[in-house]
C-alpha atoms as a PDB file:
ATOM      1  CA  SER A   1      42.574  26.277 -48.946  1.00  0.00           C
ATOM      2  CA  ALA A   2      43.502  28.822 -45.536  1.00  0.00           C
ATOM      3  CA  PRO A   3      46.089  27.982 -43.486  1.00  0.00           C
ATOM      4  CA  VAL A   4      45.244  25.660 -40.198  1.00  0.00           C
ATOM      5  CA  SER A   5      46.365  26.949 -36.997  1.00  0.00           C
ATOM      6  CA  THR A   6      45.326  25.950 -33.276  1.00  0.00           C
ATOM      7  CA  LYS A   7      46.280  28.920 -30.921  1.00  0.00           C
ATOM      8  CA  THR A   8      45.615  30.137 -28.095  1.00  0.00           C
ATOM      9  CA  SER A   9      43.161  33.742 -27.826  1.00  0.00           C
ATOM     10  CA  SER A  10      42.467  35.728 -25.118  1.00  0.00           C
ATOM     11  CA  ALA A  11      40.029  38.108 -24.518  1.00  0.00           C
ATOM     12  CA  LEU A  12      39.277  41.115 -22.417  1.00  0.00           C
ATOM     13  CA  SER A  13      36.484  43.380 -21.370  1.00  0.00           C
ATOM     14  CA  LEU A  14      37.100  46.317 -19.826  1.00  0.00           C
ATOM     15  CA  PRO A  15      34.621  48.979 -17.391  1.00  0.00           C
ATOM     16  CA  HIS A  16      32.755  51.804 -18.380  1.00  0.00           C
ATOM     17  CA  PRO A  17      32.734  54.062 -15.390  1.00  0.00           C
ATOM     18  CA  ASP A  18      33.194  57.499 -17.794  1.00  0.00           C
ATOM     19  CA  ALA A  19      32.762  56.459 -21.557  1.00  0.00           C
ATOM     20  CA  SER A  20      34.484  59.912 -22.610  1.00  0.00           C
ATOM     21  CA  GLN A  21      37.715  59.156 -20.913  1.00  0.00           C
ATOM     22  CA  ILE A  22      39.857  56.301 -21.012  1.00  0.00           C
ATOM     23  CA  HIS A  23      40.654  54.484 -17.180  1.00  0.00           C
ATOM     24  CA  GLY A  24      43.406  51.967 -16.757  1.00  0.00           C
ATOM     25  CA  PRO A  25      42.817  48.368 -18.077  1.00  0.00           C
ATOM     26  CA  LYS A  26      40.865  47.057 -14.629  1.00  0.00           C
ATOM     27  CA  PRO A  27      39.303  43.890 -16.702  1.00  0.00           C
ATOM     28  CA  GLN A  28      36.102  42.567 -14.976  1.00  0.00           C
ATOM     29  CA  ARG A  29      33.540  39.811 -15.842  1.00  0.00           C
ATOM     30  CA  ILE A  30      32.402  40.481 -19.418  1.00  0.00           C
ATOM     31  CA  SER A  31      28.996  42.722 -19.928  1.00  0.00           C
ATOM     32  CA  GLY A  32      26.566  43.291 -22.575  1.00  0.00           C
ATOM     33  CA  SER A  33      28.603  44.960 -25.691  1.00  0.00           C
ATOM     34  CA  HIS A  34      27.243  43.724 -28.802  1.00  0.00           C
ATOM     35  CA  LEU A  35      30.282  44.789 -30.687  1.00  0.00           C
ATOM     36  CA  SER A  36      33.985  43.527 -29.942  1.00  0.00           C
ATOM     37  CA  VAL A  37      37.219  44.164 -31.723  1.00  0.00           C
ATOM     38  CA  LEU A  38      39.624  42.094 -33.284  1.00  0.00           C
ATOM     39  CA  SER A  39      43.360  42.808 -33.089  1.00  0.00           C
ATOM     40  CA  TRP A  40      44.181  41.102 -36.394  1.00  0.00           C
ATOM     41  CA  VAL A  41      46.626  42.931 -38.099  1.00  0.00           C
ATOM     42  CA  ASP A  42      48.664  42.165 -41.032  1.00  0.00           C
ATOM     43  CA  LYS A  43      51.637  44.201 -40.933  1.00  0.00           C
ATOM     44  CA  ALA A  44      53.844  44.809 -37.386  1.00  0.00           C
ATOM     45  CA  SER A  45      54.288  48.439 -37.706  1.00  0.00           C
ATOM     46  CA  CYS A  46      50.446  48.641 -37.562  1.00  0.00           C
ATOM     47  CA  VAL A  47      50.407  47.380 -34.016  1.00  0.00           C
ATOM     48  CA  SER A  48      51.844  50.122 -32.117  1.00  0.00           C
ATOM     49  CA  GLN A  49      50.534  52.962 -34.369  1.00  0.00           C
ATOM     50  CA  VAL A  50      47.458  52.009 -35.388  1.00  0.00           C
ATOM     51  CA  ALA A  51      46.257  49.172 -32.633  1.00  0.00           C
ATOM     52  CA  GLU A  52      46.198  52.185 -29.975  1.00  0.00           C
ATOM     53  CA  GLN A  53      44.081  54.282 -31.602  1.00  0.00           C
ATOM     54  CA  LEU A  54      41.531  51.722 -32.475  1.00  0.00           C
ATOM     55  CA  MET A  55      41.161  50.881 -29.149  1.00  0.00           C
ATOM     56  CA  THR A  56      40.275  54.215 -28.085  1.00  0.00           C
ATOM     57  CA  ILE A  57      37.958  55.085 -30.457  1.00  0.00           C
ATOM     58  CA  ALA A  58      36.384  51.919 -29.646  1.00  0.00           C
ATOM     59  CA  TYR A  59      36.545  52.500 -26.005  1.00  0.00           C
ATOM     60  CA  GLU A  60      35.254  55.356 -26.530  1.00  0.00           C
ATOM     61  CA  ASN A  61      32.200  54.140 -28.070  1.00  0.00           C
ATOM     62  CA  GLY A  62      31.124  51.952 -25.484  1.00  0.00           C
ATOM     63  CA  VAL A  63      32.942  48.634 -26.882  1.00  0.00           C
ATOM     64  CA  ASN A  64      34.395  46.682 -24.016  1.00  0.00           C
ATOM     65  CA  LEU A  65      35.695  43.455 -24.862  1.00  0.00           C
ATOM     66  CA  PHE A  66      38.666  43.174 -27.385  1.00  0.00           C
ATOM     67  CA  ASP A  67      40.091  39.893 -28.932  1.00  0.00           C
ATOM     68  CA  THR A  68      43.540  39.040 -29.163  1.00  0.00           C
ATOM     69  CA  ALA A  69      45.610  36.025 -30.331  1.00  0.00           C
ATOM     70  CA  GLU A  70      49.468  34.813 -30.090  1.00  0.00           C
ATOM     71  CA  VAL A  71      49.750  34.963 -34.437  1.00  0.00           C
ATOM     72  CA  TYR A  72      48.161  38.045 -34.921  1.00  0.00           C
ATOM     73  CA  ALA A  73      50.691  40.485 -36.404  1.00  0.00           C
ATOM     74  CA  GLY A  74      53.700  37.491 -35.912  1.00  0.00           C
ATOM     75  CA  GLY A  75      53.087  37.444 -32.328  1.00  0.00           C
ATOM     76  CA  LYS A  76      53.081  41.010 -31.803  1.00  0.00           C
ATOM     77  CA  ALA A  77      49.679  41.487 -31.023  1.00  0.00           C
ATOM     78  CA  GLU A  78      49.313  38.975 -29.051  1.00  0.00           C
ATOM     79  CA  THR A  79      53.864  31.868 -32.245  1.00  0.00           C
ATOM     80  CA  GLU A  80      53.287  28.917 -30.684  1.00  0.00           C
ATOM     81  CA  ARG A  81      50.642  26.373 -31.810  1.00  0.00           C
ATOM     82  CA  GLY A  82      48.655  23.866 -30.406  1.00  0.00           C
ATOM     83  CA  LEU A  83      46.203  23.022 -27.582  1.00  0.00           C
ATOM     84  CA  ASN A  84      48.904  20.738 -25.215  1.00  0.00           C
ATOM     85  CA  ARG A  85      49.159  21.211 -21.482  1.00  0.00           C
ATOM     86  CA  LYS A  86      52.584  23.193 -21.759  1.00  0.00           C
ATOM     87  CA  HIS A  87      51.503  25.549 -24.419  1.00  0.00           C
ATOM     88  CA  ILE A  88      48.219  26.631 -22.849  1.00  0.00           C
ATOM     89  CA  ILE A  89      49.824  27.492 -19.566  1.00  0.00           C
ATOM     90  CA  GLU A  90      52.903  29.322 -21.145  1.00  0.00           C
ATOM     91  CA  GLY A  91      51.376  30.732 -24.003  1.00  0.00           C
ATOM     92  CA  LEU A  92      48.807  33.061 -21.684  1.00  0.00           C
ATOM     93  CA  ARG A  93      51.081  33.242 -19.182  1.00  0.00           C
ATOM     94  CA  SER A  94      53.114  35.277 -21.853  1.00  0.00           C
ATOM     95  CA  SER A  95      50.714  37.302 -23.557  1.00  0.00           C
ATOM     96  CA  LEU A  96      49.353  38.361 -20.160  1.00  0.00           C
ATOM     97  CA  GLN A  97      53.086  39.607 -19.652  1.00  0.00           C
ATOM     98  CA  ARG A  98      53.265  41.731 -23.142  1.00  0.00           C
ATOM     99  CA  MET A  99      50.023  42.689 -22.303  1.00  0.00           C
ATOM    100  CA  GLN A 100      50.901  43.644 -18.764  1.00  0.00           C
ATOM    101  CA  LEU A 101      47.351  42.149 -17.202  1.00  0.00           C
ATOM    102  CA  GLU A 102      47.124  40.061 -14.155  1.00  0.00           C
ATOM    103  CA  TYR A 103      44.182  37.915 -15.578  1.00  0.00           C
ATOM    104  CA  VAL A 104      41.933  38.051 -18.915  1.00  0.00           C
ATOM    105  CA  ASP A 105      38.492  37.604 -18.922  1.00  0.00           C
ATOM    106  CA  VAL A 106      38.234  34.683 -21.997  1.00  0.00           C
ATOM    107  CA  VAL A 107      40.955  32.556 -22.842  1.00  0.00           C
ATOM    108  CA  PHE A 108      40.021  30.735 -26.244  1.00  0.00           C
ATOM    109  CA  ALA A 109      41.167  27.399 -28.050  1.00  0.00           C
ATOM    110  CA  ASN A 110      41.269  28.224 -31.493  1.00  0.00           C
ATOM    111  CA  ARG A 111      40.701  25.567 -33.764  1.00  0.00           C
ATOM    112  CA  PRO A 112      40.343  22.245 -32.060  1.00  0.00           C
ATOM    113  CA  ASP A 113      43.551  19.639 -31.995  1.00  0.00           C
ATOM    114  CA  SER A 114      43.808  16.174 -32.822  1.00  0.00           C
ATOM    115  CA  ASN A 115      46.925  15.889 -31.463  1.00  0.00           C
ATOM    116  CA  THR A 116      45.915  16.585 -27.742  1.00  0.00           C
ATOM    117  CA  PRO A 117      43.656  14.732 -25.740  1.00  0.00           C
ATOM    118  CA  MET A 118      40.361  16.447 -24.788  1.00  0.00           C
ATOM    119  CA  GLU A 119      40.671  15.802 -21.260  1.00  0.00           C
ATOM    120  CA  GLU A 120      44.458  17.545 -21.231  1.00  0.00           C
ATOM    121  CA  ILE A 121      43.212  20.360 -23.042  1.00  0.00           C
ATOM    122  CA  VAL A 122      40.014  20.672 -20.004  1.00  0.00           C
ATOM    123  CA  ARG A 123      42.624  19.965 -17.102  1.00  0.00           C
ATOM    124  CA  ALA A 124      44.705  22.793 -18.373  1.00  0.00           C
ATOM    125  CA  MET A 125      41.800  25.311 -19.037  1.00  0.00           C
ATOM    126  CA  THR A 126      40.805  24.616 -15.863  1.00  0.00           C
ATOM    127  CA  HIS A 127      44.388  25.010 -14.216  1.00  0.00           C
ATOM    128  CA  VAL A 128      44.723  28.619 -15.752  1.00  0.00           C
ATOM    129  CA  ILE A 129      41.483  30.119 -14.573  1.00  0.00           C
ATOM    130  CA  ASN A 130      42.148  27.884 -10.909  1.00  0.00           C
ATOM    131  CA  GLN A 131      45.312  30.233 -11.171  1.00  0.00           C
ATOM    132  CA  GLY A 132      43.622  33.302 -11.706  1.00  0.00           C
ATOM    133  CA  MET A 133      45.376  33.781 -15.192  1.00  0.00           C
ATOM    134  CA  SER A 134      41.682  33.795 -16.839  1.00  0.00           C
ATOM    135  CA  MET A 135      38.016  33.877 -15.219  1.00  0.00           C
ATOM    136  CA  TYR A 136      36.037  31.437 -18.415  1.00  0.00           C
ATOM    137  CA  TRP A 137      37.911  29.403 -21.045  1.00  0.00           C
ATOM    138  CA  GLY A 138      35.415  29.292 -24.348  1.00  0.00           C
ATOM    139  CA  THR A 139      36.297  27.776 -27.801  1.00  0.00           C
ATOM    140  CA  SER A 140      36.596  28.935 -31.567  1.00  0.00           C
ATOM    141  CA  ARG A 141      35.854  26.898 -34.272  1.00  0.00           C
ATOM    142  CA  TRP A 142      35.002  23.692 -32.786  1.00  0.00           C
ATOM    143  CA  SER A 143      32.321  21.565 -34.430  1.00  0.00           C
ATOM    144  CA  ALA A 144      29.354  20.694 -31.829  1.00  0.00           C
ATOM    145  CA  MET A 145      30.168  17.618 -31.335  1.00  0.00           C
ATOM    146  CA  GLU A 146      34.100  18.398 -29.996  1.00  0.00           C
ATOM    147  CA  ILE A 147      32.191  21.299 -27.990  1.00  0.00           C
ATOM    148  CA  MET A 148      29.870  18.567 -25.955  1.00  0.00           C
ATOM    149  CA  GLU A 149      33.259  16.214 -25.726  1.00  0.00           C
ATOM    150  CA  ALA A 150      34.505  19.123 -23.659  1.00  0.00           C
ATOM    151  CA  TYR A 151      31.433  19.424 -21.825  1.00  0.00           C
ATOM    152  CA  SER A 152      31.287  15.604 -20.879  1.00  0.00           C
ATOM    153  CA  VAL A 153      34.965  15.412 -20.107  1.00  0.00           C
ATOM    154  CA  ALA A 154      34.542  18.483 -17.328  1.00  0.00           C
ATOM    155  CA  ARG A 155      31.338  17.144 -15.993  1.00  0.00           C
ATOM    156  CA  GLN A 156      33.157  13.160 -15.470  1.00  0.00           C
ATOM    157  CA  PHE A 157      36.451  14.729 -13.609  1.00  0.00           C
ATOM    158  CA  ASN A 158      34.957  17.486 -12.159  1.00  0.00           C
ATOM    159  CA  LEU A 159      36.502  20.375 -14.296  1.00  0.00           C
ATOM    160  CA  ILE A 160      35.457  23.983 -15.702  1.00  0.00           C
ATOM    161  CA  PRO A 161      33.311  23.307 -19.352  1.00  0.00           C
ATOM    162  CA  PRO A 162      33.564  26.090 -21.724  1.00  0.00           C
ATOM    163  CA  VAL A 163      31.074  28.869 -21.794  1.00  0.00           C
ATOM    164  CA  CYS A 164      31.340  30.124 -25.348  1.00  0.00           C
ATOM    165  CA  GLU A 165      31.688  29.718 -29.069  1.00  0.00           C
ATOM    166  CA  GLN A 166      33.331  31.845 -31.174  1.00  0.00           C
ATOM    167  CA  ALA A 167      32.171  30.518 -34.586  1.00  0.00           C
ATOM    168  CA  GLU A 168      32.582  32.054 -37.843  1.00  0.00           C
ATOM    169  CA  TYR A 169      29.156  33.754 -39.152  1.00  0.00           C
ATOM    170  CA  ASN A 170      28.353  36.010 -42.035  1.00  0.00           C
ATOM    171  CA  PHE A 171      25.952  35.949 -44.841  1.00  0.00           C
ATOM    172  CA  PHE A 172      27.738  32.556 -46.340  1.00  0.00           C
ATOM    173  CA  GLN A 173      28.363  30.594 -43.235  1.00  0.00           C
ATOM    174  CA  ARG A 174      25.278  30.109 -41.852  1.00  0.00           C
ATOM    175  CA  ASP A 175      24.892  26.138 -41.262  1.00  0.00           C
ATOM    176  CA  LYS A 176      26.726  25.759 -37.842  1.00  0.00           C
ATOM    177  CA  VAL A 177      25.396  28.985 -36.108  1.00  0.00           C
ATOM    178  CA  GLU A 178      21.404  28.790 -36.742  1.00  0.00           C
ATOM    179  CA  THR A 179      21.148  24.875 -36.990  1.00  0.00           C
ATOM    180  CA  GLN A 180      23.719  23.440 -34.727  1.00  0.00           C
ATOM    181  CA  LEU A 181      24.636  25.711 -31.985  1.00  0.00           C
ATOM    182  CA  PRO A 182      21.129  26.183 -31.312  1.00  0.00           C
ATOM    183  CA  GLU A 183      20.764  22.724 -29.349  1.00  0.00           C
ATOM    184  CA  LEU A 184      23.916  23.884 -26.915  1.00  0.00           C
ATOM    185  CA  TYR A 185      22.318  27.579 -26.122  1.00  0.00           C
ATOM    186  CA  HIS A 186      20.212  26.116 -23.472  1.00  0.00           C
ATOM    187  CA  LYS A 187      22.507  23.268 -22.398  1.00  0.00           C
ATOM    188  CA  ILE A 188      26.302  24.736 -21.961  1.00  0.00           C
ATOM    189  CA  VAL A 189      26.992  27.741 -24.290  1.00  0.00           C
ATOM    190  CA  PRO A 190      25.374  30.518 -22.512  1.00  0.00           C
ATOM    191  CA  TRP A 191      26.441  32.973 -25.495  1.00  0.00           C
ATOM    192  CA  SER A 192      28.314  32.746 -28.648  1.00  0.00           C
ATOM    193  CA  SER A 193      30.921  35.678 -30.487  1.00  0.00           C
ATOM    194  CA  ASP A 194      31.077  35.438 -33.537  1.00  0.00           C
ATOM    195  CA  ASP A 195      33.115  37.263 -36.573  1.00  0.00           C
ATOM    196  CA  TYR A 196      31.577  38.009 -39.781  1.00  0.00           C
ATOM    197  CA  LEU A 197      34.880  39.106 -41.173  1.00  0.00           C
ATOM    198  CA  ALA A 198      36.187  35.725 -40.789  1.00  0.00           C
ATOM    199  CA  SER A 199      35.353  35.739 -44.093  1.00  0.00           C
ATOM    200  CA  CYS A 200      38.587  38.055 -44.764  1.00  0.00           C
ATOM    201  CA  GLY A 201      36.697  41.004 -46.027  1.00  0.00           C
ATOM    202  CA  ILE A 202      35.152  39.492 -48.938  1.00  0.00           C
ATOM    203  CA  ILE A 203      31.937  40.846 -47.146  1.00  0.00           C
ATOM    204  CA  THR A 204      32.747  44.321 -47.411  1.00  0.00           C
ATOM    205  CA  GLY A 205      32.148  44.049 -51.059  1.00  0.00           C
ATOM    206  CA  LYS A 206      35.692  45.829 -51.543  1.00  0.00           C
ATOM    207  CA  TYR A 207      36.390  43.091 -53.739  1.00  0.00           C
ATOM    208  CA  GLU A 208      33.545  43.549 -56.620  1.00  0.00           C
ATOM    209  CA  ASN A 209      36.372  44.700 -59.282  1.00  0.00           C
ATOM    210  CA  GLY A 210      38.671  42.689 -58.224  1.00  0.00           C
ATOM    211  CA  ILE A 211      42.059  42.314 -56.231  1.00  0.00           C
ATOM    212  CA  PRO A 212      43.040  45.963 -54.562  1.00  0.00           C
ATOM    213  CA  GLU A 213      46.520  46.154 -54.935  1.00  0.00           C
ATOM    214  CA  CYS A 214      46.698  46.995 -50.260  1.00  0.00           C
ATOM    215  CA  SER A 215      43.739  44.593 -49.590  1.00  0.00           C
ATOM    216  CA  ARG A 216      44.453  41.035 -48.043  1.00  0.00           C
ATOM    217  CA  ALA A 217      43.615  39.174 -50.865  1.00  0.00           C
ATOM    218  CA  SER A 218      46.997  40.693 -52.628  1.00  0.00           C
ATOM    219  CA  MET A 219      48.969  39.598 -50.172  1.00  0.00           C
ATOM    220  CA  LYS A 220      51.660  36.227 -50.489  1.00  0.00           C
ATOM    221  CA  PRO A 221      50.146  34.469 -47.457  1.00  0.00           C
ATOM    222  CA  TYR A 222      46.968  35.040 -48.298  1.00  0.00           C
ATOM    223  CA  ALA A 223      47.351  33.338 -52.201  1.00  0.00           C
ATOM    224  CA  TRP A 224      44.529  31.170 -50.642  1.00  0.00           C
ATOM    225  CA  LEU A 225      41.804  33.855 -50.162  1.00  0.00           C
ATOM    226  CA  LYS A 226      42.842  35.198 -53.634  1.00  0.00           C
ATOM    227  CA  GLU A 227      41.968  32.095 -55.447  1.00  0.00           C
ATOM    228  CA  LYS A 228      38.595  31.794 -52.887  1.00  0.00           C
ATOM    229  CA  ILE A 229      37.462  35.680 -54.304  1.00  0.00           C
ATOM    230  CA  VAL A 230      37.648  34.584 -58.046  1.00  0.00           C
ATOM    231  CA  SER A 231      36.890  31.345 -58.165  1.00  0.00           C
ATOM    232  CA  GLU A 232      33.133  30.931 -59.657  1.00  0.00           C
ATOM    233  CA  ASP A 233      32.045  30.676 -56.134  1.00  0.00           C
ATOM    234  CA  GLY A 234      33.571  34.030 -54.866  1.00  0.00           C
ATOM    235  CA  ARG A 235      32.221  35.123 -58.567  1.00  0.00           C
ATOM    236  CA  LYS A 236      28.477  34.247 -57.186  1.00  0.00           C
ATOM    237  CA  GLN A 237      29.311  35.378 -53.854  1.00  0.00           C
ATOM    238  CA  GLN A 238      30.146  39.240 -55.615  1.00  0.00           C
ATOM    239  CA  ALA A 239      26.993  38.899 -57.703  1.00  0.00           C
ATOM    240  CA  LYS A 240      24.974  37.985 -53.820  1.00  0.00           C
ATOM    241  CA  LEU A 241      26.669  41.355 -52.703  1.00  0.00           C
ATOM    242  CA  LYS A 242      25.886  43.629 -55.340  1.00  0.00           C
ATOM    243  CA  GLU A 243      22.231  42.709 -54.912  1.00  0.00           C
ATOM    244  CA  LEU A 244      22.489  43.221 -51.085  1.00  0.00           C
ATOM    245  CA  THR A 245      23.583  46.686 -51.580  1.00  0.00           C
ATOM    246  CA  THR A 246      20.370  47.630 -52.847  1.00  0.00           C
ATOM    247  CA  ILE A 247      18.681  46.364 -49.504  1.00  0.00           C
ATOM    248  CA  SER A 248      21.612  48.365 -47.393  1.00  0.00           C
ATOM    249  CA  GLU A 249      21.109  51.702 -49.882  1.00  0.00           C
ATOM    250  CA  LYS A 250      17.083  51.413 -48.917  1.00  0.00           C
ATOM    251  CA  LEU A 251      17.840  51.200 -45.197  1.00  0.00           C
ATOM    252  CA  GLY A 252      20.155  53.892 -45.694  1.00  0.00           C
ATOM    253  CA  CYS A 253      23.440  51.876 -44.309  1.00  0.00           C
ATOM    254  CA  THR A 254      26.384  50.370 -46.125  1.00  0.00           C
ATOM    255  CA  LEU A 255      26.861  47.090 -46.914  1.00  0.00           C
ATOM    256  CA  PRO A 256      29.179  45.825 -43.830  1.00  0.00           C
ATOM    257  CA  GLN A 257      26.992  47.712 -41.580  1.00  0.00           C
ATOM    258  CA  LEU A 258      24.345  45.316 -42.751  1.00  0.00           C
ATOM    259  CA  ALA A 259      25.933  42.383 -42.365  1.00  0.00           C
ATOM    260  CA  ILE A 260      26.984  43.319 -38.844  1.00  0.00           C
ATOM    261  CA  ALA A 261      23.245  43.910 -38.127  1.00  0.00           C
ATOM    262  CA  TRP A 262      22.467  40.961 -40.128  1.00  0.00           C
ATOM    263  CA  CYS A 263      24.851  38.707 -37.427  1.00  0.00           C
ATOM    264  CA  LEU A 264      23.001  40.853 -34.536  1.00  0.00           C
ATOM    265  CA  ARG A 265      19.476  39.750 -35.098  1.00  0.00           C
ATOM    266  CA  ASN A 266      20.399  36.115 -34.533  1.00  0.00           C
ATOM    267  CA  GLU A 267      19.306  35.936 -30.790  1.00  0.00           C
ATOM    268  CA  GLY A 268      22.014  33.390 -30.570  1.00  0.00           C
ATOM    269  CA  VAL A 269      24.885  35.383 -31.529  1.00  0.00           C
ATOM    270  CA  SER A 270      25.859  38.043 -28.407  1.00  0.00           C
ATOM    271  CA  SER A 271      29.028  39.635 -29.992  1.00  0.00           C
ATOM    272  CA  VAL A 272      30.352  40.688 -33.407  1.00  0.00           C
ATOM    273  CA  LEU A 273      33.657  40.583 -33.552  1.00  0.00           C
ATOM    274  CA  LEU A 274      35.200  43.473 -35.721  1.00  0.00           C
ATOM    275  CA  GLY A 275      38.718  42.880 -37.801  1.00  0.00           C
ATOM    276  CA  THR A 276      38.796  46.591 -38.560  1.00  0.00           C
ATOM    277  CA  SER A 277      42.399  47.897 -39.801  1.00  0.00           C
ATOM    278  CA  SER A 278      41.347  51.726 -39.803  1.00  0.00           C
ATOM    279  CA  PRO A 279      39.627  54.190 -37.560  1.00  0.00           C
ATOM    280  CA  ILE A 280      37.192  54.910 -40.366  1.00  0.00           C
ATOM    281  CA  GLN A 281      36.299  51.711 -41.007  1.00  0.00           C
ATOM    282  CA  LEU A 282      36.065  50.853 -37.171  1.00  0.00           C
ATOM    283  CA  ALA A 283      33.852  53.781 -37.050  1.00  0.00           C
ATOM    284  CA  GLU A 284      31.683  52.855 -39.742  1.00  0.00           C
ATOM    285  CA  ASN A 285      31.037  49.454 -38.412  1.00  0.00           C
ATOM    286  CA  LEU A 286      30.203  50.511 -34.942  1.00  0.00           C
ATOM    287  CA  ARG A 287      27.351  52.421 -37.027  1.00  0.00           C
ATOM    288  CA  ALA A 288      25.605  49.449 -37.533  1.00  0.00           C
ATOM    289  CA  MET A 289      24.044  49.335 -33.892  1.00  0.00           C
ATOM    290  CA  GLU A 290      21.809  52.386 -35.695  1.00  0.00           C
ATOM    291  CA  VAL A 291      20.749  49.771 -38.726  1.00  0.00           C
ATOM    292  CA  ILE A 292      19.350  46.810 -35.801  1.00  0.00           C
ATOM    293  CA  PRO A 293      15.710  47.974 -35.645  1.00  0.00           C
ATOM    294  CA  LYS A 294      15.913  47.714 -39.364  1.00  0.00           C
ATOM    295  CA  MET A 295      15.830  44.541 -39.852  1.00  0.00           C
ATOM    296  CA  THR A 296      12.572  43.676 -39.829  1.00  0.00           C
ATOM    297  CA  ALA A 297      11.008  40.588 -40.582  1.00  0.00           C
ATOM    298  CA  GLY A 298      10.477  41.283 -44.227  1.00  0.00           C
ATOM    299  CA  ILE A 299      13.526  42.611 -44.922  1.00  0.00           C
ATOM    300  CA  VAL A 300      15.574  39.574 -43.170  1.00  0.00           C
ATOM    301  CA  THR A 301      13.012  38.052 -45.943  1.00  0.00           C
ATOM    302  CA  GLU A 302      14.264  40.118 -48.702  1.00  0.00           C
ATOM    303  CA  ILE A 303      17.988  39.042 -47.476  1.00  0.00           C
ATOM    304  CA  ASP A 304      17.259  35.087 -47.509  1.00  0.00           C
ATOM    305  CA  HIS A 305      15.835  35.232 -50.668  1.00  0.00           C
ATOM    306  CA  VAL A 306      19.013  36.680 -52.227  1.00  0.00           C
ATOM    307  CA  LEU A 307      21.204  34.483 -50.007  1.00  0.00           C
ATOM    308  CA  GLY A 308      19.302  31.591 -51.184  1.00  0.00           C
ATOM    309  CA  ASN A 309      20.940  29.434 -48.697  1.00  0.00           C
ATOM    310  CA  ARG A 310      18.613  29.947 -45.178  1.00  0.00           C
ATOM    311  CA  PRO A 311      19.338  26.392 -43.600  1.00  0.00           C
ATOM    312  CA  HIS A 312      16.591  24.518 -42.050  1.00  0.00           C
ATOM    313  CA  SER A 313      16.238  23.685 -38.329  1.00  0.00           C
ATOM    314  CA  LYS A 314      14.720  20.693 -37.086  1.00  0.00           C
ATOM    315  CA  LYS A 315      11.939  23.389 -36.021  1.00  0.00           C
ATOM    316  CA  ASP A 316      11.494  23.764 -39.697  1.00  0.00           C
ATOM    317  CA  PHE A 317      11.144  19.894 -40.266  1.00  0.00           C
ATOM    318  CA  HIS A 318       9.011  19.324 -37.899  1.00  0.00           C
ATOM    319  CA  GLN A 319       6.649  21.856 -39.035  1.00  0.00           C
ATOM    320  CA  ALA A 320       7.053  20.714 -42.455  1.00  0.00           C
ATOM    321  CA  HIS A 321       5.942  17.109 -41.314  1.00  0.00           C
END
């Protein structure tokens, strides 16, 4: 299975007074950019050589939300683990020093930490916000029950609750975002930032004919990913992706663009993280915004038919009965 780590990550949004040129990194409250960039890089050398170029391209194209974390690129992209008070405070302070920032817009608690009491996590997040190190805090890959617990603790002790959940959402991971999180949208989570590339590039179709030499799945630390791809379920997914390619061609777009547009057709999804590693890939992904108007009810139904995994919501249940 995939390695599990608990970490903090942070998101920075930048203003766009003039999209034609890069201005100083003055973080401000998150605005309505539907696409954000995840600085997930596998080789340390990529950080200085490519990351700056990717951020420039993204920024010039209207992207103003950038996500980074302590474990990306061995700490060079942004390694401590755990959500105890000491790590949250020291980890965020160290990240701010590395990024040369006074604060970030959102600090995320990535994956729940069963070894740390929820009250300690919420108190630590409240502390870093009150200290001006972050504007808000959110969760990443937490269950609806865990988010509700954090919210309840915050209300009980007059602390600051999480404002967003960063969930895995793609063609093959739908249940949480489409059936569980909607129960929270009207209560405690104003927006959800979802990572369609959480499936580590499987959706892009690059593994259709095997494992490319320079792909993530070919690297030793990602042996679990290779096993997932060559498994029976993995082969079934590749077959469905091949069918979806027919739909993307009909719409005049690539499969990755269709995947991103499909995520954004969900009203509960405010932003999709793009885990790009090259300028060409980023440029392609950014053009997914042009596909959103083409995501008609008919196209969505066609995609659902191919996937065969549309979750049934409580609304569907009540309508059937």
